[in-house]
């Protein structure tokens, strides 16, 4: 092993001296690579599960489109890996070499691929590959900014160079140093090595489809990859009505822990279940009523954001990039561009086959460990599924573009900065419950009760908290739990178990929804910070409850059959045929 490490070091020196960024991607780091000793235990928290779809939903020519989209999606993996850390390709190569002779390295490589880097997303980004502890801490801005750049330096640069403000805060630029200065580089230039071939795959897929709306989106998205202007293709995506639902490009800002200003590349390749989708269209007719029901003053309500919104229930076929790191997405609401939300609405997509797998594997077992025995009959997949839908609908409710404390009119995310994702995810969860109550109270939904929603939500909060409190969804769940406990809406009923006070829970949801919506309506960073510091934290109670869930998986690792992936039953790891 020592000789092998020496060889790696020599290779690294040859490759790294004066090499370009592309060359560094191919170089082996040569640095010692300590590995956490409990990788096998960590992998067990994310058991592999085959994810497939009903082939009868697509015609043969549509199957070909699907194949090309999967090929395009793989490039999103390569870009996102570099958005997390520009060291990632070299670390991956070193691990791959070590895995040829070490079982520990094989498992570490597997976990590296799941986490998209050497930081454990389930343990608040602690390193599981060297360097460890604070020396190896993840930069809060990932690789969107220079790793040594502080928030103060960035804000100071914008203050003294106002002409750079737009490009520096653009969703689709990276910030780098050149000749001692900070500069913004468009994604289309910085990641062109992967975006150009991805665009070519999209154009080929467009040539195979006879669906005009899908063809239009694919061609416009291919163009956007090379021009860095995503507006037209995002509008085209909202208008897509096809058997195949595809998301591909830069979208979510969770990975940017510094400002929540930079979008990560991802892909969802899915097939629409039209029968299930049709059942949910009734909710869209009530979006204005839901907005009207929000517990805030009328002056802050926004009746433009949800217009034109659609709901799609889909079967997931393949994911890549930000969509396939750590915890798997159950649903999403896109696009995030407030201009498009106000002009055309958005699309709410529910990944039903993934939701079923997650609920069966971890969601329901966790709830059964926490909820009082007398209320366990209220734990319901229907409540979980519909709350997830209303969570996504809630992303398009409430304030979006606001007049902030400085008098400027812009998106509230720009005022809430690093706190935006936690506040917005918590708001979507809580406002999702509030609007679901609206639908239940008016008999728009009759399949389950409000009590089912309350109990199922409380039981599943710890599923999200196990993702890590520093992660937006986990932090939002902790905020909810601590708020509900303080308000007396959730009450201990025995060792490690809790019951829901139904009347108190409704009041607590209303008060928390008001607090979150007003933060977003005013862009009050200090108010958001006080809320997050007090409530979006772990407590001895939370830690004790999480410790009793140790035998339950945290989530699933998808193995996509349609992409040629299989589970190696003997080694318990997936391989590509």
Protein backbone atom coordinates (compact mmCIF):
# COMPACT_ATOMS: atom_id res chain seq x y z
CA UNK A 1 0.00 0.00 0.00
CA UNK A 2 2.86 2.42 0.85
CA UNK A 3 4.45 1.88 -2.59
CA UNK A 4 1.08 2.45 -4.20
CA UNK A 5 0.65 5.75 -2.36
CA UNK A 6 4.14 6.85 -3.44
CA UNK A 7 3.30 6.10 -7.06
CA UNK A 8 0.11 8.10 -6.73
CA UNK A 9 2.06 11.05 -5.35
CA UNK A 10 4.54 10.99 -8.26
CA UNK A 11 1.70 10.82 -10.78
CA UNK A 12 0.02 13.76 -9.09
CA UNK A 13 3.16 15.94 -9.26
CA UNK A 14 3.58 15.29 -12.97
CA UNK A 15 -0.04 16.10 -13.75
CA UNK A 16 -0.62 19.08 -11.49
CA UNK A 17 2.38 21.25 -12.39
CA UNK A 18 0.98 23.91 -14.67
CA UNK A 19 -2.03 21.89 -15.73
CA UNK A 20 -5.34 23.33 -16.87
CA UNK A 21 -8.67 22.84 -15.07
CA UNK A 22 -9.52 20.00 -17.46
CA UNK A 23 -6.16 18.41 -16.74
CA UNK A 24 -6.78 18.67 -13.00
CA UNK A 25 -10.05 16.80 -13.49
CA UNK A 26 -8.01 13.88 -14.80
CA UNK A 27 -5.22 14.06 -12.25
CA UNK A 28 -4.93 11.89 -9.16
CA UNK A 29 -4.51 14.05 -6.07
CA UNK A 30 -1.76 11.94 -4.54
CA UNK A 31 -2.63 13.30 -1.09
CA UNK A 32 -3.26 10.86 1.75
CA UNK A 33 -6.93 9.97 1.79
CA UNK A 34 -8.19 9.01 5.26
CA UNK A 35 -11.56 7.24 5.16
CA UNK A 36 -14.24 7.02 7.83
CA UNK A 37 -14.36 3.54 9.34
CA UNK A 38 -18.14 3.28 9.43
CA UNK A 39 -18.87 3.68 5.70
CA UNK A 40 -20.69 0.34 5.58
CA UNK A 41 -23.02 1.52 8.36
CA UNK A 42 -23.64 4.78 6.50
CA UNK A 43 -24.45 2.94 3.27
CA UNK A 44 -26.96 0.80 5.16
CA UNK A 45 -28.92 3.96 5.96
CA UNK A 46 -29.63 4.34 2.23
CA UNK A 47 -30.64 0.87 0.99
CA UNK A 48 -30.74 0.34 -2.75
CA UNK A 49 -34.12 -0.04 -4.39
CA UNK A 50 -34.96 -0.66 -8.02
CA UNK A 51 -36.98 2.15 -9.61
CA UNK A 52 -38.73 1.38 -12.87
CA UNK A 53 -41.71 2.56 -14.89
CA UNK A 54 -44.61 1.11 -16.87
CA UNK A 55 -43.30 0.59 -20.42
CA UNK A 56 -46.84 0.59 -21.81
CA UNK A 57 -47.01 4.34 -21.17
CA UNK A 58 -44.60 5.04 -24.06
CA UNK A 59 -44.52 4.19 -27.78
CA UNK A 60 -41.28 2.74 -29.30
CA UNK A 61 -40.20 6.11 -30.74
CA UNK A 62 -40.75 7.69 -27.33
CA UNK A 63 -38.52 5.02 -25.80
CA UNK A 64 -35.74 6.27 -28.10
CA UNK A 65 -36.32 9.83 -26.91
CA UNK A 66 -36.02 8.53 -23.35
CA UNK A 67 -32.67 6.88 -24.09
CA UNK A 68 -31.23 10.10 -25.52
CA UNK A 69 -32.49 12.12 -22.56
CA UNK A 70 -30.79 9.74 -20.15
CA UNK A 71 -27.54 10.20 -22.09
CA UNK A 72 -27.93 13.98 -21.87
CA UNK A 73 -28.70 13.76 -18.16
CA UNK A 74 -25.40 12.04 -17.40
CA UNK A 75 -23.58 15.28 -18.27
CA UNK A 76 -25.49 17.00 -15.44
CA UNK A 77 -23.77 14.61 -13.04
CA UNK A 78 -20.36 15.73 -14.25
CA UNK A 79 -21.18 19.42 -13.93
CA UNK A 80 -22.78 19.13 -10.49
CA UNK A 81 -19.82 17.14 -9.21
CA UNK A 82 -17.65 20.16 -10.05
CA UNK A 83 -20.17 22.62 -8.63
CA UNK A 84 -19.85 20.88 -5.27
CA UNK A 85 -16.04 20.91 -5.39
CA UNK A 86 -13.51 21.24 -8.17
CA UNK A 87 -11.42 18.63 -6.36
CA UNK A 88 -14.16 16.03 -6.83
CA UNK A 89 -13.03 14.58 -10.19
CA UNK A 90 -9.49 14.02 -8.90
CA UNK A 91 -10.74 12.48 -5.65
CA UNK A 92 -13.05 10.20 -7.62
CA UNK A 93 -10.15 9.06 -9.79
CA UNK A 94 -7.97 8.38 -6.76
CA UNK A 95 -10.74 6.43 -5.04
CA UNK A 96 -11.40 4.43 -8.21
CA UNK A 97 -7.75 3.42 -8.33
CA UNK A 98 -7.68 2.50 -4.64
CA UNK A 99 -10.92 0.54 -4.99
CA UNK A 100 -9.13 -1.98 -7.22
CA UNK A 101 -7.34 -3.33 -4.15
CA UNK A 102 -9.34 -2.17 -1.13
CA UNK A 103 -12.87 -3.06 -0.06
CA UNK A 104 -12.92 0.01 2.18
CA UNK A 105 -12.12 2.19 -0.83
CA UNK A 106 -14.88 0.47 -2.84
CA UNK A 107 -17.43 1.39 -0.18
CA UNK A 108 -16.03 4.90 0.17
CA UNK A 109 -16.30 5.37 -3.60
CA UNK A 110 -19.92 4.24 -3.47
CA UNK A 111 -20.69 6.72 -0.71
CA UNK A 112 -18.76 9.45 -2.51
CA UNK A 113 -21.00 8.92 -5.55
CA UNK A 114 -24.13 9.06 -3.39
CA UNK A 115 -23.06 12.26 -1.62
CA UNK A 116 -21.53 13.84 -4.74
CA UNK A 117 -18.37 14.57 -2.84
CA UNK A 118 -16.50 13.79 0.36
CA UNK A 119 -18.95 15.46 2.74
CA UNK A 120 -21.74 13.48 4.41
CA UNK A 121 -25.00 15.27 3.68
CA UNK A 122 -26.75 13.20 6.36
CA UNK A 123 -24.34 14.43 9.07
CA UNK A 124 -24.35 18.17 8.47
CA UNK A 125 -21.62 17.85 5.83
CA UNK A 126 -18.95 16.36 8.06
CA UNK A 127 -16.10 14.91 5.93
CA UNK A 128 -16.02 11.13 5.54
CA UNK A 129 -12.91 11.33 3.37
CA UNK A 130 -9.77 13.25 4.34
CA UNK A 131 -8.87 15.77 5.42
CA UNK A 132 -11.18 15.33 8.38
CA UNK A 133 -12.70 17.66 10.99
CA UNK A 134 -12.51 21.45 10.55
CA UNK A 135 -9.49 21.19 8.25
CA UNK A 136 -11.66 19.47 5.67
CA UNK A 137 -14.83 21.53 6.20
CA UNK A 138 -17.03 22.11 3.18
CA UNK A 139 -16.88 25.70 1.87
CA UNK A 140 -20.34 27.23 2.44
CA UNK A 141 -20.43 28.46 -1.15
CA UNK A 142 -19.37 25.05 -2.53
CA UNK A 143 -17.47 25.69 -5.79
CA UNK A 144 -19.67 28.53 -7.01
CA UNK A 145 -17.20 31.00 -5.49
CA UNK A 146 -13.48 31.01 -4.64
CA UNK A 147 -13.16 28.79 -1.57
CA UNK A 148 -11.38 31.56 0.36
CA UNK A 149 -13.96 34.24 -0.48
CA UNK A 150 -16.03 35.55 2.42
CA UNK A 151 -19.55 36.93 2.32
CA UNK A 152 -18.15 40.31 3.34
CA UNK A 153 -15.71 40.34 0.43
CA UNK A 154 -18.47 39.51 -2.05
CA UNK A 155 -20.88 42.12 -0.71
CA UNK A 156 -18.07 44.67 -0.50
CA UNK A 157 -17.16 44.07 -4.13
CA UNK A 158 -20.75 44.62 -5.26
CA UNK A 159 -21.01 47.77 -3.15
CA UNK A 160 -17.90 49.26 -4.74
CA UNK A 161 -18.64 47.87 -8.23
CA UNK A 162 -22.42 48.29 -8.70
CA UNK A 163 -22.02 47.55 -12.41
CA UNK A 164 -21.18 43.94 -11.42
CA UNK A 165 -24.24 43.40 -9.22
CA UNK A 166 -26.44 41.80 -11.88
CA UNK A 167 -23.85 39.31 -13.14
CA UNK A 168 -22.57 38.47 -9.64
CA UNK A 169 -26.07 37.64 -8.37
CA UNK A 170 -27.09 35.87 -11.57
CA UNK A 171 -28.27 32.30 -11.02
CA UNK A 172 -26.11 31.09 -13.89
CA UNK A 173 -22.59 32.43 -13.20
CA UNK A 174 -19.64 31.25 -11.15
CA UNK A 175 -17.42 33.74 -9.33
CA UNK A 176 -13.66 33.43 -9.76
CA UNK A 177 -10.49 35.45 -9.13
CA UNK A 178 -8.55 36.88 -12.05
CA UNK A 179 -5.56 39.16 -11.58
CA UNK A 180 -6.60 39.88 -8.02
CA UNK A 181 -10.17 40.75 -8.99
CA UNK A 182 -13.47 38.92 -8.64
CA UNK A 183 -15.17 38.14 -11.94
CA UNK A 184 -18.43 36.45 -12.97
CA UNK A 185 -18.18 33.72 -15.62
CA UNK A 186 -21.36 32.43 -17.35
CA UNK A 187 -22.14 28.74 -16.91
CA UNK A 188 -22.29 28.44 -20.70
CA UNK A 189 -18.58 29.23 -20.84
CA UNK A 190 -17.35 27.62 -17.64
CA UNK A 191 -19.10 24.26 -18.14
CA UNK A 192 -19.14 24.24 -21.95
CA UNK A 193 -17.15 20.99 -22.07
CA UNK A 194 -20.27 19.16 -20.80
CA UNK A 195 -23.04 21.50 -21.91
CA UNK A 196 -22.14 21.30 -25.61
CA UNK A 197 -22.52 17.49 -25.87
CA UNK A 198 -25.61 17.60 -23.63
CA UNK A 199 -27.15 20.13 -26.03
CA UNK A 200 -26.40 17.82 -28.95
CA UNK A 201 -28.21 14.93 -27.20
CA UNK A 202 -31.23 17.17 -26.62
CA UNK A 203 -31.32 18.14 -30.29
CA UNK A 204 -31.22 14.47 -31.28
CA UNK A 205 -34.05 13.68 -28.86
CA UNK A 206 -36.05 16.56 -30.33
CA UNK A 207 -35.65 15.04 -33.79
CA UNK A 208 -37.24 11.77 -32.62
CA UNK A 209 -40.31 13.18 -30.86
CA UNK A 210 -43.49 14.13 -32.70
CA UNK A 211 -44.80 16.06 -29.70
CA UNK A 212 -44.55 19.74 -30.64
CA UNK A 213 -44.36 21.09 -27.09
CA UNK A 214 -41.62 18.66 -26.02
CA UNK A 215 -39.67 19.29 -29.24
CA UNK A 216 -39.89 23.04 -28.64
CA UNK A 217 -38.59 22.74 -25.08
CA UNK A 218 -35.70 20.43 -25.99
CA UNK A 219 -34.49 22.71 -28.78
CA UNK A 220 -34.79 25.84 -26.64
CA UNK A 221 -33.03 24.16 -23.70
CA UNK A 222 -30.21 23.01 -26.00
CA UNK A 223 -29.83 26.63 -27.10
CA UNK A 224 -29.91 27.87 -23.50
CA UNK A 225 -27.01 25.57 -22.57
CA UNK A 226 -24.86 27.52 -25.04
CA UNK A 227 -26.25 31.06 -24.57
CA UNK A 228 -26.82 31.06 -20.78
CA UNK A 229 -30.31 32.54 -21.26
CA UNK A 230 -32.87 30.13 -19.79
CA UNK A 231 -35.98 32.33 -19.84
CA UNK A 232 -37.50 31.14 -23.13
CA UNK A 233 -36.78 27.48 -22.44
CA UNK A 234 -38.28 27.74 -18.93
CA UNK A 235 -41.48 29.15 -20.42
CA UNK A 236 -41.43 26.36 -23.01
CA UNK A 237 -41.06 23.82 -20.19
CA UNK A 238 -44.14 25.11 -18.36
CA UNK A 239 -46.06 24.60 -21.63
CA UNK A 240 -44.88 21.02 -22.25
CA UNK A 241 -47.76 18.56 -22.48
CA UNK A 242 -46.24 15.22 -23.42
CA UNK A 243 -45.97 11.61 -22.21
CA UNK A 244 -42.36 12.35 -21.20
CA UNK A 245 -41.72 14.98 -18.52
CA UNK A 246 -38.08 16.07 -18.48
CA UNK A 247 -36.25 18.55 -16.29
CA UNK A 248 -32.66 19.23 -17.27
CA UNK A 249 -30.48 22.21 -16.45
CA UNK A 250 -29.62 24.55 -13.54
CA UNK A 251 -32.46 24.98 -11.05
CA UNK A 252 -32.23 24.72 -7.26
CA UNK A 253 -30.00 26.93 -5.09
CA UNK A 254 -29.66 24.70 -2.00
CA UNK A 255 -26.00 23.87 -2.67
CA UNK A 256 -25.03 27.54 -2.43
CA UNK A 257 -24.93 27.87 1.35
CA UNK A 258 -23.37 31.32 1.13
CA UNK A 259 -26.12 33.28 -0.65
CA UNK A 260 -28.61 30.77 -2.12
CA UNK A 261 -27.90 32.64 -5.36
CA UNK A 262 -26.39 30.00 -7.67
CA UNK A 263 -28.32 27.26 -9.45
CA UNK A 264 -27.17 23.63 -9.53
CA UNK A 265 -27.41 21.38 -12.58
CA UNK A 266 -29.78 18.43 -12.34
CA UNK A 267 -32.03 16.17 -14.38
CA UNK A 268 -35.31 14.33 -13.83
CA UNK A 269 -36.37 12.00 -16.64
CA UNK A 270 -39.94 10.85 -16.00
CA UNK A 271 -43.06 9.41 -17.63
CA UNK A 272 -46.45 11.03 -17.02
CA UNK A 273 -49.26 9.04 -15.45
CA UNK A 274 -52.13 10.88 -17.13
CA UNK A 275 -54.90 9.12 -15.23
CA UNK A 276 -53.43 10.08 -11.84
CA UNK A 277 -52.65 13.60 -13.05
CA UNK A 278 -56.22 14.21 -14.18
CA UNK A 279 -57.52 13.42 -10.69
CA UNK A 280 -55.56 16.31 -9.18
CA UNK A 281 -56.49 19.06 -11.65
CA UNK A 282 -59.44 20.07 -9.47
CA UNK A 283 -57.04 21.65 -6.97
CA UNK A 284 -55.77 24.16 -9.52
CA UNK A 285 -59.20 25.77 -9.75
CA UNK A 286 -58.88 26.78 -6.11
CA UNK A 287 -55.43 28.41 -6.14
CA UNK A 288 -56.85 31.93 -5.86
CA UNK A 289 -59.03 30.82 -2.97
CA UNK A 290 -55.99 29.29 -1.28
CA UNK A 291 -54.06 32.53 -1.73
CA UNK A 292 -57.03 34.43 -0.31
CA UNK A 293 -57.04 32.12 2.74
CA UNK A 294 -53.42 32.83 3.70
CA UNK A 295 -53.12 34.19 7.27
CA UNK A 296 -51.53 37.53 6.28
CA UNK A 297 -52.86 40.97 5.41
CA UNK A 298 -54.35 41.31 1.93
CA UNK A 299 -51.66 43.77 0.85
CA UNK A 300 -49.09 40.94 0.92
CA UNK A 301 -51.12 38.40 -1.04
CA UNK A 302 -50.10 37.67 -4.60
CA UNK A 303 -52.72 36.42 -7.05
CA UNK A 304 -50.37 36.38 -10.04
CA UNK A 305 -47.82 33.71 -9.08
CA UNK A 306 -49.93 30.56 -9.52
CA UNK A 307 -51.77 31.44 -12.73
CA UNK A 308 -51.34 28.78 -15.40
CA UNK A 309 -49.92 26.22 -12.96
CA UNK A 310 -50.21 22.51 -13.73
CA UNK A 311 -49.91 19.28 -11.75
CA UNK A 312 -48.24 16.15 -13.11
CA UNK A 313 -48.06 12.76 -11.42
CA UNK A 314 -45.13 10.90 -12.93
CA UNK A 315 -43.06 7.74 -12.68
CA UNK A 316 -39.39 8.51 -12.27
CA UNK A 317 -37.09 6.86 -14.81
CA UNK A 318 -33.68 8.47 -14.16
CA UNK A 319 -32.14 11.36 -12.26
CA UNK A 320 -28.74 13.03 -12.25
CA UNK A 321 -26.78 15.85 -10.68
CA UNK A 322 -28.36 17.77 -7.82
CA UNK A 323 -31.45 15.55 -8.15
CA UNK A 324 -29.41 12.45 -7.28
CA UNK A 325 -27.37 13.44 -4.27
CA UNK A 326 -27.98 12.17 -0.76
CA UNK A 327 -31.72 12.33 -0.17
CA UNK A 328 -34.00 11.65 -3.12
CA UNK A 329 -36.59 14.20 -4.21
CA UNK A 330 -40.25 13.18 -3.85
CA UNK A 331 -41.75 16.13 -5.74
CA UNK A 332 -40.77 19.50 -7.14
CA UNK A 333 -42.20 22.85 -8.19
CA UNK A 334 -40.46 24.68 -11.04
CA UNK A 335 -39.30 26.96 -12.53
CA UNK A 336 -37.94 29.13 -9.73
CA UNK A 337 -37.72 32.26 -11.88
CA UNK A 338 -40.24 34.68 -10.34
CA UNK A 339 -40.76 36.41 -13.70
CA UNK A 340 -42.10 33.16 -15.16
CA UNK A 341 -44.15 32.30 -12.08
CA UNK A 342 -45.92 35.65 -12.36
CA UNK A 343 -46.31 35.52 -16.15
CA UNK A 344 -47.09 31.83 -16.79
CA UNK A 345 -47.29 29.98 -13.49
CA UNK A 346 -45.35 26.83 -12.67
CA UNK A 347 -45.49 23.07 -12.80
CA UNK A 348 -45.93 20.79 -9.79
CA UNK A 349 -44.51 17.32 -10.38
CA UNK A 350 -45.05 14.39 -8.00
CA UNK A 351 -42.71 11.39 -8.36
CA UNK A 352 -45.21 8.80 -7.21
CA UNK A 353 -43.09 5.65 -7.54
CA UNK A 354 -40.34 7.31 -5.49
CA UNK A 355 -42.83 8.60 -2.91
CA UNK A 356 -44.24 5.10 -2.43
CA UNK A 357 -40.75 3.67 -1.96
CA UNK A 358 -39.75 6.37 0.54
CA UNK A 359 -42.95 6.08 2.58
CA UNK A 360 -42.70 2.30 2.79
CA UNK A 361 -38.97 2.18 3.56
CA UNK A 362 -38.58 5.01 6.05
CA UNK A 363 -41.56 7.35 6.35
CA UNK A 364 -44.18 5.08 7.89
CA UNK A 365 -41.74 3.10 10.09
CA UNK A 366 -40.41 6.38 11.54
CA UNK A 367 -43.90 7.70 12.25
CA UNK A 368 -44.82 4.42 13.96
CA UNK A 369 -41.82 4.80 16.27
CA UNK A 370 -42.80 8.33 17.35
CA UNK A 371 -46.59 8.68 17.33
CA UNK A 372 -48.71 7.64 20.31
CA UNK A 373 -50.20 4.19 19.80
CA UNK A 374 -53.74 5.58 20.03
CA UNK A 375 -53.13 7.85 17.01
CA UNK A 376 -51.17 5.47 14.78
CA UNK A 377 -54.25 4.56 12.76
CA UNK A 378 -54.10 8.13 11.41
CA UNK A 379 -50.72 7.64 9.69
CA UNK A 380 -51.70 7.71 6.02
CA UNK A 381 -49.97 7.56 2.62
CA UNK A 382 -52.86 9.55 1.15
CA UNK A 383 -52.23 12.34 3.68
CA UNK A 384 -48.48 12.22 2.95
CA UNK A 385 -49.01 12.25 -0.83
CA UNK A 386 -51.45 15.15 -0.74
CA UNK A 387 -49.43 17.16 1.77
CA UNK A 388 -46.46 16.75 -0.55
CA UNK A 389 -48.58 18.06 -3.42
CA UNK A 390 -49.81 21.03 -1.39
CA UNK A 391 -46.23 21.69 -0.24
CA UNK A 392 -45.30 22.12 -3.89
CA UNK A 393 -48.37 24.25 -4.61
CA UNK A 394 -47.43 26.44 -1.64
CA UNK A 395 -44.10 27.32 -3.25
CA UNK A 396 -46.16 29.39 -5.71
CA UNK A 397 -48.32 31.02 -3.02
CA UNK A 398 -47.54 34.12 -1.02
CA UNK A 399 -45.01 36.89 -1.69
CA UNK A 400 -42.33 36.43 -4.35
CA UNK A 401 -41.15 39.73 -5.80
CA UNK A 402 -41.33 42.34 -3.03
CA UNK A 403 -40.30 45.87 -2.12
CA UNK A 404 -37.57 45.18 0.41
CA UNK A 405 -36.15 47.10 3.37
CA UNK A 406 -33.89 49.09 1.01
CA UNK A 407 -36.81 50.17 -1.16
CA UNK A 408 -35.76 48.02 -4.12
CA UNK A 409 -38.21 45.70 -5.86
CA UNK A 410 -36.70 42.25 -6.31
CA UNK A 411 -37.09 38.59 -5.36
CA UNK A 412 -37.30 37.99 -1.62
CA UNK A 413 -34.59 35.32 -1.88
CA UNK A 414 -32.06 38.09 -2.54
CA UNK A 415 -32.91 39.67 0.82
CA UNK A 416 -33.01 36.43 2.80
CA UNK A 417 -29.71 35.18 1.28
CA UNK A 418 -28.37 32.05 3.00
CA UNK A 419 -31.55 31.66 5.09
CA UNK A 420 -33.91 31.68 2.11
CA UNK A 421 -33.95 27.93 1.41
CA UNK A 422 -34.71 26.98 5.03
CA UNK A 423 -37.42 29.66 5.35
CA UNK A 424 -38.97 28.77 1.98
CA UNK A 425 -39.01 25.00 2.60
CA UNK A 426 -40.55 25.49 6.03
CA UNK A 427 -43.09 27.94 4.57
CA UNK A 428 -44.05 25.46 1.84
CA UNK A 429 -44.53 22.73 4.44
CA UNK A 430 -46.63 24.84 6.81
CA UNK A 431 -48.62 26.75 4.18
CA UNK A 432 -49.09 23.39 2.47
CA UNK A 433 -50.86 22.14 5.61
CA UNK A 434 -52.86 25.37 5.90
CA UNK A 435 -54.15 25.19 2.32
CA UNK A 436 -54.78 21.45 2.62
CA UNK A 437 -57.01 22.27 5.60
CA UNK A 438 -58.83 24.73 3.36
CA UNK A 439 -59.50 21.93 0.85
CA UNK A 440 -60.57 19.47 3.55
CA UNK A 441 -62.84 21.92 5.35
CA UNK A 442 -64.68 22.62 2.07
CA UNK A 443 -64.93 18.93 1.10
CA UNK A 444 -62.77 19.45 -1.99
CA UNK A 445 -60.89 16.43 -0.64
CA UNK A 446 -62.69 13.66 1.23
CA UNK A 447 -60.24 10.73 1.11
CA UNK A 448 -58.71 11.48 4.53
CA UNK A 449 -59.13 13.83 7.47
CA UNK A 450 -57.34 16.86 8.89
CA UNK A 451 -56.34 14.68 11.84
CA UNK A 452 -54.63 12.30 9.38
CA UNK A 453 -52.65 15.25 8.01
CA UNK A 454 -51.58 16.47 11.46
CA UNK A 455 -50.43 13.07 12.71
CA UNK A 456 -48.72 12.03 9.47
CA UNK A 457 -46.88 15.36 9.24
CA UNK A 458 -45.62 15.18 12.83
CA UNK A 459 -44.53 11.58 12.38
CA UNK A 460 -42.61 12.35 9.20
CA UNK A 461 -40.84 15.50 10.44
CA UNK A 462 -38.06 13.30 11.78
CA UNK A 463 -37.60 11.70 8.38
CA UNK A 464 -36.58 15.16 7.15
CA UNK A 465 -34.51 16.00 10.24
CA UNK A 466 -32.42 12.90 9.67
CA UNK A 467 -31.30 14.50 6.40
CA UNK A 468 -29.32 16.92 8.57
CA UNK A 469 -30.47 20.11 10.30
CA UNK A 470 -28.08 22.19 8.18
CA UNK A 471 -29.95 21.04 5.04
CA UNK A 472 -32.92 23.24 4.09
CA UNK A 473 -35.61 20.57 4.47
CA UNK A 474 -34.12 19.20 7.71
CA UNK A 475 -33.72 22.69 9.17
CA UNK A 476 -37.28 23.56 8.20
CA UNK A 477 -38.56 20.37 9.86
CA UNK A 478 -36.67 21.18 13.09
CA UNK A 479 -38.17 24.67 13.01
CA UNK A 480 -41.65 23.18 12.74
CA UNK A 481 -41.13 20.62 15.49
CA UNK A 482 -39.73 23.13 17.99
CA UNK A 483 -42.51 25.61 17.20
CA UNK A 484 -45.23 22.99 17.62
CA UNK A 485 -43.72 21.77 20.89
CA UNK A 486 -43.50 25.31 22.26
CA UNK A 487 -47.13 25.97 21.27
CA UNK A 488 -48.33 22.77 22.96
CA UNK A 489 -49.55 21.31 19.67
CA UNK A 490 -47.41 18.19 20.12
CA UNK A 491 -47.35 16.64 23.59
CA UNK A 492 -45.25 13.81 25.11
CA UNK A 493 -47.39 10.74 25.81
CA UNK A 494 -44.79 8.23 26.94
CA UNK A 495 -41.10 7.37 26.55
CA UNK A 496 -40.10 8.63 23.10
CA UNK A 497 -43.70 9.00 21.96
CA UNK A 498 -45.92 11.99 21.26
CA UNK A 499 -49.54 12.77 20.55
CA UNK A 500 -51.04 15.62 18.56
CA UNK A 501 -53.43 18.12 20.14
CA UNK A 502 -55.64 18.65 17.10
CA UNK A 503 -57.13 22.04 18.03
CA UNK A 504 -53.76 23.33 19.20
CA UNK A 505 -52.05 22.07 16.05
CA UNK A 506 -54.36 24.05 13.78
CA UNK A 507 -53.59 27.22 15.76
CA UNK A 508 -49.84 26.53 15.69
CA UNK A 509 -49.91 26.03 11.92
CA UNK A 510 -51.68 29.36 11.49
CA UNK A 511 -49.23 31.30 13.67
CA UNK A 512 -46.14 29.76 12.06
CA UNK A 513 -47.53 30.30 8.56
CA UNK A 514 -48.04 33.97 9.40
CA UNK A 515 -44.48 34.34 10.71
CA UNK A 516 -42.89 32.71 7.67
CA UNK A 517 -45.06 34.55 5.15
CA UNK A 518 -44.36 37.92 6.77
CA UNK A 519 -40.62 37.27 6.67
CA UNK A 520 -40.90 36.59 2.95
CA UNK A 521 -43.25 39.55 2.44
CA UNK A 522 -40.84 42.04 4.05
CA UNK A 523 -37.46 40.49 3.20
CA UNK A 524 -36.51 40.97 6.86
CA UNK A 525 -33.21 39.10 7.20
CA UNK A 526 -32.83 39.84 10.92
CA UNK A 527 -36.29 38.47 11.68
CA UNK A 528 -35.52 35.36 9.65
CA UNK A 529 -32.22 34.94 11.47
CA UNK A 530 -33.89 35.16 14.89
CA UNK A 531 -36.45 32.53 13.88
CA UNK A 532 -33.85 30.14 12.44
CA UNK A 533 -31.44 30.54 15.37
CA UNK A 534 -34.17 29.82 17.92
CA UNK A 535 -36.12 27.05 16.21
CA UNK A 536 -34.18 25.49 13.30
CA UNK A 537 -31.81 23.78 15.72
CA UNK A 538 -31.30 20.38 17.22
CA UNK A 539 -32.24 19.86 20.86
CA UNK A 540 -31.60 17.04 23.36
CA UNK A 541 -35.18 15.91 22.69
CA UNK A 542 -34.64 15.80 18.93
CA UNK A 543 -31.32 13.99 19.34
CA UNK A 544 -32.91 11.43 21.65
CA UNK A 545 -35.74 10.72 19.20
CA UNK A 546 -33.37 10.43 16.25
CA UNK A 547 -31.21 7.98 18.23
CA UNK A 548 -34.17 5.62 18.63
CA UNK A 549 -34.58 5.53 14.83
CA UNK A 550 -31.11 4.12 14.17
CA UNK A 551 -32.39 0.82 12.75
CA UNK A 552 -34.66 2.51 10.20
CA UNK A 553 -33.23 3.60 6.83
CA UNK A 554 -32.91 7.34 6.31
CA UNK A 555 -33.91 7.17 2.64
CA UNK A 556 -33.42 5.05 -0.47
CA UNK A 557 -30.71 4.80 -3.09
CA UNK A 558 -32.49 4.51 -6.46
CA UNK A 559 -31.27 1.93 -8.95
CA UNK A 560 -32.73 2.89 -12.32
CA UNK A 561 -33.59 -0.20 -14.34
CA UNK A 562 -34.33 1.75 -17.53
CA UNK A 563 -30.82 3.22 -17.44
CA UNK A 564 -29.25 -0.23 -17.33
CA UNK A 565 -28.54 -0.22 -13.59
CA UNK A 566 -28.90 -3.36 -11.50
CA UNK A 567 -28.38 -4.35 -7.90
CA UNK A 568 -25.47 -6.68 -7.30
CA UNK A 569 -27.22 -8.83 -4.70
CA UNK A 570 -24.01 -10.42 -3.47
CA UNK A 571 -22.13 -7.17 -2.99
CA UNK A 572 -25.31 -5.15 -2.28
CA UNK A 573 -24.29 -2.44 -4.70
CA UNK A 574 -25.64 -1.29 -8.06
CA UNK A 575 -23.79 -1.70 -11.31
CA UNK A 576 -24.48 -0.56 -14.86
CA UNK A 577 -24.90 -3.30 -17.45
